[in-house]
Each structure stands twice: as structure tokens, then as C-alpha cells.
């Protein structure tokens, strides 16, 4: 049941991205290379502008990745980081590809490379949270997601993942409700998340009534 609910939330969580590449609950599409792209949901960029020739190479790789050809995309991003090793978004994309291939060691290596370049890289922190959650390290996953929303409060996917984590794994209904409401406020109307919020609101109210009776 948890797996099914998680799968449903993957589909909806990625819907706010124009380029969708599912990589687990709250997965993101290919990250973009421009400096201001880290303000966008599920996207992150380097601290400096990317050269035009590198931008073309990057855009081609992300297009291939968005089309679902992860084999070609992986080769393109590996070539990119050999030529331009200073852009964390490329490593985040490699992490997404490796996660899709269920290669956790390679996923962690790519995430660590991104965070070595930018410890406050929200998309890398989000990927780290998903990797940790998949391996049952729920509190560490929470810490990664919380850091992502601390450095980027408008990073909707991390709020989404915090909602999933707190509801399904940590059983913190009020905290889950708060993060889903934040996510909803950031992305606009999401019919399915709206249903989850209504359900959580009822469950939190019932829990509070039970607690009041017990007192």
C-alpha cells in the first residue's frame, strides 16, 4: 500500500516540471545549467553562467534525458563533466539517471560530487533525501530535505517529499500536512494533493479530539 501511494505521488509530484524524469517519490526532471535555474522547481544551476558551447552540449543532454534515453544521456553527461567539471547540475542529472537504474553507489557518488561543488545545492539535497529514504534512513532523509527548503524555501519538490516522508514513514501527520500545504501554495492547484490535504486535515482533527478526550 505504501509503495502504491508513493508511486501515485511520483506521478503528481513531477507534474510541475516541463521535463519529467521520474526518480522516486518527488523525483525531478533534468536540472538546468543557468545560474538562475536553481530558483525553479526541481532545477539547479551552477554559481556562474555556463559558456555558450557548453550550454548547447548541456541542452542536448537534457533533451535526450527528458526523452527517456537514459543510456545516451548518461554518456552525454559523463562527457560534459569531463569537459566542464564545475557545474553541479550535471552531477545531479547523473544522480537521477543512476537512481533510475537503481545504482545506489553511483547515485551517491554523483550527489556527493554536486554537493562538493555547492553544499547548498537544493536539487542535490533533494536527491540525497530520496536516496536515504529508499534505504530506510528516514531521519537522515528528513535532514537533507529540510536543508533543501532552508536554503531554498520555495523549492516545492522538497516540501512535497517532506510531506510524503512525514505521512507515510514518520507518522507525523501535522508536519506532513504543513509541507503539503506549502507545496500546494507554491505550485498552485493540484487536485490530488488537495485530496491528501483534506484527508490529513480530517485525520489530524480526529487525533486531536482523541487526545482531548484522553486528557
C-alpha atoms as a PDB file:
ATOM      1  CA  UNK A   1       0.000   0.000   0.000  1.00  0.00           C
ATOM      2  CA  UNK A   2       2.823   2.403   0.862  1.00  0.00           C
ATOM      3  CA  UNK A   3       4.526   1.609  -2.439  1.00  0.00           C
ATOM      4  CA  UNK A   4       1.336   2.237  -4.391  1.00  0.00           C
ATOM      5  CA  UNK A   5       0.707   5.554  -2.669  1.00  0.00           C
ATOM      6  CA  UNK A   6       4.318   6.540  -3.224  1.00  0.00           C
ATOM      7  CA  UNK A   7       4.035   5.666  -6.923  1.00  0.00           C
ATOM      8  CA  UNK A   8       0.939   7.805  -7.253  1.00  0.00           C
ATOM      9  CA  UNK A   9       2.731  10.716  -5.660  1.00  0.00           C
ATOM     10  CA  UNK A  10       5.678  10.374  -8.023  1.00  0.00           C
ATOM     11  CA  UNK A  11       3.439  10.958 -10.996  1.00  0.00           C
ATOM     12  CA  UNK A  12       1.872  14.030  -9.472  1.00  0.00           C
ATOM     13  CA  UNK A  13       4.998  15.426  -7.892  1.00  0.00           C
ATOM     14  CA  UNK A  14       6.749  15.512 -11.241  1.00  0.00           C
ATOM     15  CA  UNK A  15       3.814  17.155 -12.967  1.00  0.00           C
ATOM     16  CA  UNK A  16       5.057  20.637 -12.116  1.00  0.00           C
ATOM     17  CA  UNK A  17       8.107  20.105 -14.311  1.00  0.00           C
ATOM     18  CA  UNK A  18       8.071  20.685 -18.034  1.00  0.00           C
ATOM     19  CA  UNK A  19      10.673  17.943 -18.444  1.00  0.00           C
ATOM     20  CA  UNK A  20       9.744  14.928 -16.385  1.00  0.00           C
ATOM     21  CA  UNK A  21      12.164  12.229 -15.383  1.00  0.00           C
ATOM     22  CA  UNK A  22      10.835  10.164 -12.503  1.00  0.00           C
ATOM     23  CA  UNK A  23      13.443   9.142  -9.962  1.00  0.00           C
ATOM     24  CA  UNK A  24      11.368   8.037  -6.994  1.00  0.00           C
ATOM     25  CA  UNK A  25       8.888   9.965  -4.888  1.00  0.00           C
ATOM     26  CA  UNK A  26       9.272  13.638  -5.577  1.00  0.00           C
ATOM     27  CA  UNK A  27      11.644  12.968  -8.447  1.00  0.00           C
ATOM     28  CA  UNK A  28      12.708  15.794 -10.703  1.00  0.00           C
ATOM     29  CA  UNK A  29      13.286  16.398 -14.350  1.00  0.00           C
ATOM     30  CA  UNK A  30      16.712  17.175 -15.770  1.00  0.00           C
ATOM     31  CA  UNK A  31      18.375  20.055 -13.952  1.00  0.00           C
ATOM     32  CA  UNK A  32      19.159  23.122 -15.979  1.00  0.00           C
ATOM     33  CA  UNK A  33      22.573  24.786 -16.180  1.00  0.00           C
ATOM     34  CA  UNK A  34      21.831  28.505 -15.947  1.00  0.00           C
ATOM     35  CA  UNK A  35      22.677  30.431 -12.809  1.00  0.00           C
ATOM     36  CA  UNK A  36      19.088  31.423 -12.053  1.00  0.00           C
ATOM     37  CA  UNK A  37      17.611  27.983 -12.681  1.00  0.00           C
ATOM     38  CA  UNK A  38      18.042  26.854  -9.097  1.00  0.00           C
ATOM     39  CA  UNK A  39      15.066  29.055  -8.268  1.00  0.00           C
ATOM     40  CA  UNK A  40      12.865  26.766 -10.370  1.00  0.00           C
ATOM     41  CA  UNK A  41      11.189  23.642  -9.044  1.00  0.00           C
ATOM     42  CA  UNK A  42      13.388  20.612  -9.398  1.00  0.00           C
ATOM     43  CA  UNK A  43      16.124  22.550 -11.142  1.00  0.00           C
ATOM     44  CA  UNK A  44      19.526  23.756 -10.111  1.00  0.00           C
ATOM     45  CA  UNK A  45      22.349  25.599 -11.742  1.00  0.00           C
ATOM     46  CA  UNK A  46      25.980  26.479 -11.152  1.00  0.00           C
ATOM     47  CA  UNK A  47      27.193  29.639  -9.466  1.00  0.00           C
ATOM     48  CA  UNK A  48      28.412  31.100 -12.773  1.00  0.00           C
ATOM     49  CA  UNK A  49      26.980  31.335 -16.268  1.00  0.00           C
ATOM     50  CA  UNK A  50      27.775  28.401 -18.484  1.00  0.00           C
ATOM     51  CA  UNK A  51      29.716  29.123 -21.734  1.00  0.00           C
ATOM     52  CA  UNK A  52      27.576  29.045 -24.895  1.00  0.00           C
ATOM     53  CA  UNK A  53      29.276  25.953 -26.329  1.00  0.00           C
ATOM     54  CA  UNK A  54      28.797  24.109 -23.044  1.00  0.00           C
ATOM     55  CA  UNK A  55      25.175  25.261 -22.846  1.00  0.00           C
ATOM     56  CA  UNK A  56      24.456  23.672 -26.219  1.00  0.00           C
ATOM     57  CA  UNK A  57      26.047  20.432 -25.079  1.00  0.00           C
ATOM     58  CA  UNK A  58      24.095  20.533 -21.823  1.00  0.00           C
ATOM     59  CA  UNK A  59      20.775  21.247 -23.501  1.00  0.00           C
ATOM     60  CA  UNK A  60      21.274  18.343 -25.892  1.00  0.00           C
ATOM     61  CA  UNK A  61      21.962  16.025 -22.960  1.00  0.00           C
ATOM     62  CA  UNK A  62      18.889  17.194 -21.043  1.00  0.00           C
ATOM     63  CA  UNK A  63      16.726  16.793 -24.148  1.00  0.00           C
ATOM     64  CA  UNK A  64      17.895  13.208 -24.557  1.00  0.00           C
ATOM     65  CA  UNK A  65      17.294  12.592 -20.859  1.00  0.00           C
ATOM     66  CA  UNK A  66      13.798  14.080 -20.999  1.00  0.00           C
ATOM     67  CA  UNK A  67      13.017  11.825 -23.973  1.00  0.00           C
ATOM     68  CA  UNK A  68      13.763   8.835 -21.747  1.00  0.00           C
ATOM     69  CA  UNK A  69      17.020   7.691 -23.363  1.00  0.00           C
ATOM     70  CA  UNK A  70      18.991   7.391 -20.150  1.00  0.00           C
ATOM     71  CA  UNK A  71      21.801   5.394 -21.752  1.00  0.00           C
ATOM     72  CA  UNK A  72      22.641   8.151 -24.219  1.00  0.00           C
ATOM     73  CA  UNK A  73      22.000  10.850 -21.618  1.00  0.00           C
ATOM     74  CA  UNK A  74      24.425   9.243 -19.191  1.00  0.00           C
ATOM     75  CA  UNK A  75      27.142   9.166 -21.853  1.00  0.00           C
ATOM     76  CA  UNK A  76      26.494  12.797 -22.732  1.00  0.00           C
ATOM     77  CA  UNK A  77      26.611  13.989 -19.130  1.00  0.00           C
ATOM     78  CA  UNK A  78      29.735  11.953 -18.419  1.00  0.00           C
ATOM     79  CA  UNK A  79      31.373  13.662 -21.385  1.00  0.00           C
ATOM     80  CA  UNK A  80      30.081  17.016 -20.175  1.00  0.00           C
ATOM     81  CA  UNK A  81      31.572  16.694 -16.682  1.00  0.00           C
ATOM     82  CA  UNK A  82      34.909  15.642 -18.153  1.00  0.00           C
ATOM     83  CA  UNK A  83      34.990  18.862 -20.170  1.00  0.00           C
ATOM     84  CA  UNK A  84      33.174  21.120 -17.685  1.00  0.00           C
ATOM     85  CA  UNK A  85      33.563  19.655 -14.188  1.00  0.00           C
ATOM     86  CA  UNK A  86      32.398  22.718 -12.257  1.00  0.00           C
ATOM     87  CA  UNK A  87      28.632  22.550 -12.824  1.00  0.00           C
ATOM     88  CA  UNK A  88      26.713  20.712 -10.087  1.00  0.00           C
ATOM     89  CA  UNK A  89      23.538  20.402 -12.156  1.00  0.00           C
ATOM     90  CA  UNK A  90      25.253  17.898 -14.457  1.00  0.00           C
ATOM     91  CA  UNK A  91      26.083  15.674 -11.496  1.00  0.00           C
ATOM     92  CA  UNK A  92      22.502  15.945 -10.241  1.00  0.00           C
ATOM     93  CA  UNK A  93      21.282  14.727 -13.617  1.00  0.00           C
ATOM     94  CA  UNK A  94      23.703  11.814 -13.421  1.00  0.00           C
ATOM     95  CA  UNK A  95      22.351  11.051  -9.946  1.00  0.00           C
ATOM     96  CA  UNK A  96      18.795  10.974 -11.343  1.00  0.00           C
ATOM     97  CA  UNK A  97      19.900   8.624 -14.125  1.00  0.00           C
ATOM     98  CA  UNK A  98      21.735   6.315 -11.717  1.00  0.00           C
ATOM     99  CA  UNK A  99      18.748   6.310  -9.348  1.00  0.00           C
ATOM    100  CA  UNK A 100      16.507   5.321 -12.248  1.00  0.00           C
ATOM    101  CA  UNK A 101      18.916   2.436 -12.903  1.00  0.00           C
ATOM    102  CA  UNK A 102      18.780   1.502  -9.182  1.00  0.00           C
ATOM    103  CA  UNK A 103      22.531   2.020  -8.893  1.00  0.00           C
ATOM    104  CA  UNK A 104      22.734   3.475  -5.400  1.00  0.00           C
ATOM    105  CA  UNK A 105      26.561   3.687  -5.148  1.00  0.00           C
ATOM    106  CA  UNK A 106      26.780   5.650  -8.403  1.00  0.00           C
ATOM    107  CA  UNK A 107      23.841   7.806  -7.325  1.00  0.00           C
ATOM    108  CA  UNK A 108      25.593   8.716  -4.074  1.00  0.00           C
ATOM    109  CA  UNK A 109      28.860   9.415  -5.879  1.00  0.00           C
ATOM    110  CA  UNK A 110      27.131  11.839  -8.264  1.00  0.00           C
ATOM    111  CA  UNK A 111      25.247  13.548  -5.414  1.00  0.00           C
ATOM    112  CA  UNK A 112      28.462  13.934  -3.427  1.00  0.00           C
ATOM    113  CA  UNK A 113      30.170  15.460  -6.467  1.00  0.00           C
ATOM    114  CA  UNK A 114      27.363  18.014  -6.816  1.00  0.00           C
ATOM    115  CA  UNK A 115      27.429  18.872  -3.113  1.00  0.00           C
ATOM    116  CA  UNK A 116      31.216  19.187  -3.142  1.00  0.00           C
ATOM    117  CA  UNK A 117      30.789  21.976  -5.682  1.00  0.00           C
ATOM    118  CA  UNK A 118      27.793  23.514  -3.910  1.00  0.00           C
ATOM    119  CA  UNK A 119      26.858  22.221  -0.434  1.00  0.00           C
ATOM    120  CA  UNK A 120      23.610  24.192  -0.620  1.00  0.00           C
ATOM    121  CA  UNK A 121      22.510  22.777  -3.987  1.00  0.00           C
ATOM    122  CA  UNK A 122      18.740  22.174  -3.416  1.00  0.00           C
ATOM    123  CA  UNK A 123      18.263  19.605  -6.187  1.00  0.00           C
ATOM    124  CA  UNK A 124      21.259  17.600  -4.986  1.00  0.00           C
ATOM    125  CA  UNK A 125      19.946  17.706  -1.417  1.00  0.00           C
ATOM    126  CA  UNK A 126      16.560  16.533  -2.669  1.00  0.00           C
ATOM    127  CA  UNK A 127      18.181  13.614  -4.499  1.00  0.00           C
ATOM    128  CA  UNK A 128      20.173  12.790  -1.368  1.00  0.00           C
ATOM    129  CA  UNK A 129      16.957  12.752   0.648  1.00  0.00           C
ATOM    130  CA  UNK A 130      15.326  10.362  -1.812  1.00  0.00           C
ATOM    131  CA  UNK A 131      18.334   8.044  -1.779  1.00  0.00           C
ATOM    132  CA  UNK A 132      18.395   7.980   2.017  1.00  0.00           C
ATOM    133  CA  UNK A 133      14.644   7.362   2.195  1.00  0.00           C
ATOM    134  CA  UNK A 134      14.875   4.463  -0.252  1.00  0.00           C
ATOM    135  CA  UNK A 135      17.466   2.894   2.022  1.00  0.00           C
ATOM    136  CA  UNK A 136      15.365   3.338   5.158  1.00  0.00           C
ATOM    137  CA  UNK A 137      17.378   6.214   6.633  1.00  0.00           C
ATOM    138  CA  UNK A 138      14.323   8.333   7.288  1.00  0.00           C
ATOM    139  CA  UNK A 139      15.731  10.865   9.756  1.00  0.00           C
ATOM    140  CA  UNK A 140      18.779  11.486   7.585  1.00  0.00           C
ATOM    141  CA  UNK A 141      16.481  11.896   4.598  1.00  0.00           C
ATOM    142  CA  UNK A 142      14.458  14.426   6.563  1.00  0.00           C
ATOM    143  CA  UNK A 143      17.621  16.380   7.364  1.00  0.00           C
ATOM    144  CA  UNK A 144      18.559  16.534   3.674  1.00  0.00           C
ATOM    145  CA  UNK A 145      15.086  17.713   2.638  1.00  0.00           C
ATOM    146  CA  UNK A 146      14.995  20.277   5.447  1.00  0.00           C
ATOM    147  CA  UNK A 147      18.335  21.689   4.373  1.00  0.00           C
ATOM    148  CA  UNK A 148      16.996  21.982   0.826  1.00  0.00           C
ATOM    149  CA  UNK A 149      13.985  24.028   1.948  1.00  0.00           C
ATOM    150  CA  UNK A 150      16.136  26.054   4.326  1.00  0.00           C
ATOM    151  CA  UNK A 151      18.464  27.224   1.564  1.00  0.00           C
ATOM    152  CA  UNK A 152      15.609  27.435  -0.958  1.00  0.00           C
ATOM    153  CA  UNK A 153      12.251  27.938   0.840  1.00  0.00           C
ATOM    154  CA  UNK A 154      10.347  27.922  -2.458  1.00  0.00           C
ATOM    155  CA  UNK A 155      11.727  24.550  -3.529  1.00  0.00           C
ATOM    156  CA  UNK A 156       8.419  22.764  -3.927  1.00  0.00           C
ATOM    157  CA  UNK A 157       9.670  19.218  -4.516  1.00  0.00           C
ATOM    158  CA  UNK A 158      11.482  19.086  -1.194  1.00  0.00           C
ATOM    159  CA  UNK A 159       8.315  20.202   0.605  1.00  0.00           C
ATOM    160  CA  UNK A 160       6.442  17.501  -1.303  1.00  0.00           C
ATOM    161  CA  UNK A 161       8.970  14.875  -0.233  1.00  0.00           C
ATOM    162  CA  UNK A 162       8.805  16.064   3.355  1.00  0.00           C
ATOM    163  CA  UNK A 163       5.050  15.590   3.203  1.00  0.00           C
ATOM    164  CA  UNK A 164       5.441  12.042   1.895  1.00  0.00           C
ATOM    165  CA  UNK A 165       8.163  11.195   4.406  1.00  0.00           C
ATOM    166  CA  UNK A 166       6.282  12.537   7.405  1.00  0.00           C
ATOM    167  CA  UNK A 167       2.944  10.989   6.495  1.00  0.00           C
ATOM    168  CA  UNK A 168       3.957   7.558   5.253  1.00  0.00           C
ATOM    169  CA  UNK A 169       7.174   6.830   7.113  1.00  0.00           C
ATOM    170  CA  UNK A 170       7.450   9.020  10.227  1.00  0.00           C
ATOM    171  CA  UNK A 171       3.715   9.168  11.007  1.00  0.00           C
ATOM    172  CA  UNK A 172       3.847  12.892  11.753  1.00  0.00           C
ATOM    173  CA  UNK A 173       0.535  13.938  10.310  1.00  0.00           C
ATOM    174  CA  UNK A 174       0.596  17.601  11.288  1.00  0.00           C
ATOM    175  CA  UNK A 175       4.078  18.080   9.858  1.00  0.00           C
ATOM    176  CA  UNK A 176       3.086  16.267   6.673  1.00  0.00           C
ATOM    177  CA  UNK A 177       0.017  18.480   6.348  1.00  0.00           C
ATOM    178  CA  UNK A 178       2.107  21.617   6.737  1.00  0.00           C
ATOM    179  CA  UNK A 179       4.539  20.613   3.993  1.00  0.00           C
ATOM    180  CA  UNK A 180       1.802  19.526   1.579  1.00  0.00           C
ATOM    181  CA  UNK A 181       0.068  22.874   2.134  1.00  0.00           C
ATOM    182  CA  UNK A 182       3.347  24.674   1.431  1.00  0.00           C
ATOM    183  CA  UNK A 183       3.844  22.597  -1.712  1.00  0.00           C
ATOM    184  CA  UNK A 184       0.305  23.359  -2.861  1.00  0.00           C
ATOM    185  CA  UNK A 185       0.815  27.058  -2.268  1.00  0.00           C
ATOM    186  CA  UNK A 186       3.994  27.033  -4.350  1.00  0.00           C
ATOM    187  CA  UNK A 187       2.791  25.053  -7.360  1.00  0.00           C
ATOM    188  CA  UNK A 188      -0.817  26.193  -7.489  1.00  0.00           C
ATOM    189  CA  UNK A 189      -3.839  23.948  -7.676  1.00  0.00           C
ATOM    190  CA  UNK A 190      -3.044  20.237  -7.612  1.00  0.00           C
ATOM    191  CA  UNK A 191      -6.269  18.232  -7.386  1.00  0.00           C
ATOM    192  CA  UNK A 192      -4.705  15.081  -5.952  1.00  0.00           C
ATOM    193  CA  UNK A 193      -2.623  16.870  -3.342  1.00  0.00           C
ATOM    194  CA  UNK A 194      -5.734  18.836  -2.446  1.00  0.00           C
ATOM    195  CA  UNK A 195      -7.413  15.500  -1.619  1.00  0.00           C
ATOM    196  CA  UNK A 196      -4.448  14.437   0.504  1.00  0.00           C
ATOM    197  CA  UNK A 197      -4.595  17.736   2.385  1.00  0.00           C
ATOM    198  CA  UNK A 198      -8.295  17.262   3.073  1.00  0.00           C
ATOM    199  CA  UNK A 199      -7.675  13.704   4.278  1.00  0.00           C
ATOM    200  CA  UNK A 200      -4.801  14.767   6.533  1.00  0.00           C
ATOM    201  CA  UNK A 201      -6.840  17.658   7.912  1.00  0.00           C
ATOM    202  CA  UNK A 202      -9.583  15.222   8.949  1.00  0.00           C
ATOM    203  CA  UNK A 203      -7.082  12.775  10.459  1.00  0.00           C
ATOM    204  CA  UNK A 204      -5.264  15.500  12.412  1.00  0.00           C
ATOM    205  CA  UNK A 205      -8.569  16.818  13.764  1.00  0.00           C
ATOM    206  CA  UNK A 206      -9.641  13.313  14.784  1.00  0.00           C
ATOM    207  CA  UNK A 207      -6.316  12.730  16.512  1.00  0.00           C
ATOM    208  CA  UNK A 208      -6.666  15.996  18.411  1.00  0.00           C
ATOM    209  CA  UNK A 209     -10.189  15.112  19.523  1.00  0.00           C
ATOM    210  CA  UNK A 210      -8.960  11.735  20.746  1.00  0.00           C
ATOM    211  CA  UNK A 211      -6.159  13.417  22.669  1.00  0.00           C
ATOM    212  CA  UNK A 212      -8.593  15.866  24.287  1.00  0.00           C
ATOM    213  CA  UNK A 213     -10.881  13.019  25.410  1.00  0.00           C
ATOM    214  CA  UNK A 214      -7.919  11.147  26.865  1.00  0.00           C
ATOM    215  CA  UNK A 215      -6.923  14.185  28.881  1.00  0.00           C
END
